[in-house]
Amino acid sequence: MKYIEEFQNPDLARRLLDDIHSVVTRPWALMEVCGGQTHTIIRHGIDQLLPEQVELIHGPGCPVCVTPLEVIDKALAIASRPEVIFCSFGDMLRVPGTGRDLFRVRSEGGDVRVVYSPLDALKIAQQNPDREVVFFGIGFETTAPPNAMTVYQARRLGIENFSLLVSHVRVPPAIEAIMQSPSCRVQGFLAAGHVCSVMGTREYPELAERFRVPIVVTGFEPLDILEGVRRTVLQLERGEHTVENAYPRAVHPDGNPAALGMLDDVFEVTDRAWRGIGTIPDSGWRLSTRYRDYDAEYRFSVTGIDTQEPAACRSGEVLQGLLKPHECEAFGTTCTPRNPLGATMVSSEGACAAYYLYRRLDITTAARETSPVA
């Protein structure tokens, strides 16, 4: 296959759905880890087309959403400094901190700029040697290599007025934390294909064996999702729990050696807090000792942050798969994309944003559609 449209073919989707319907014999709960997969599922109504025995649980796969409130407040504090040019991807500007967001900081005179690459921020640092330029480095394993490369380049070029505010998280420890939770209902995982394109699949077999759950590496188009579900359900029905790669066009078992080498050089594994979930051991990265001078937290000594989540926001339960977005009392009323209580309503990968954007405003019992590719 060469074109994206082929992965949205309704006839092939129907055949995959028929296969899933024909093999399922009992209820199964599957979690898609990636927020991009969540948006595909909700946009195309895939969850409504699957057999009623197959439930898709939305996991903590939105990097913006799991960035802890403390880090957001540190970003706000740094961005408010007159000597700082604060650079970020656009989806972070509306993420609420305690009482305000980066848009508010910009309206109050802060120099907050949207960039499309961390290298754009490095270029701004070169053009403004009298200012401190900070890039907000958030995300899973997919965005960590370019951020690491930017710090590596800054050091190589001797650019000293650039730093990185780091909030990178890792998927395998999150899967482990989910499976260890007393409230866990997950029986199989659709793993994020773009994460595995960087990291490979070597961390997953031990998790699949220890927790006896199938893990299927899955892409992001409707046929990718359906094939991932089909393979996961087949394993569950057979009593199997192995790692399968259903995204071979992008994922090699060993990942991307160049990216892995850059990560090993620039970052080191650390415990990391996840918004709405708590601290997960070894679930994140921080800059290694040799690059510590490029750490914005270290450079600006941002401490004494007192965080406070809105009492009405239940995004933590959404991120853990314990609550569907439309089951939150604030959803679509006091919490909307223009006035969000939590990051899950802001991010382009947030589950709450997906439900709002694609009009899942009520607990639906509507008739199932005939095609997932409207």
Foldseek 3Di string as FASTA:
>chain_A
DPDLVVLQDFVLLVVLQVLQVVQDDAAAEEEEQALLQLLLCLQLVVQLSHPPSYHYFYALRFFLFFQALLLQVLLLVQQLDPQEQEEEAPLQQQFDHFPHGNVVSVVVPGNYYYDDAVVVQVVVLVVCVSGAYEYEAIEEQLRVLRVLVSLVVCVVVVRQSAAYADAYFYPPLVLVVLLPDPPRRHQEYAYEQSNQLAAACVSPFVVQVVSVHAYEHFYNHSNRVSVSVSVRSVCVSVSHGGYYYSPVVRHDNRHDVVSVVSCVQFWDFAWHGTYLAGIGGRTGIDGDPVSVSRHPCVVVVDDPDDGDQPPQDNVSCSNSSNDQLLVRPCQPPCAACVRHRRSLRRGPSRRSVSCVVSVVNHPDPDRRDSGSND
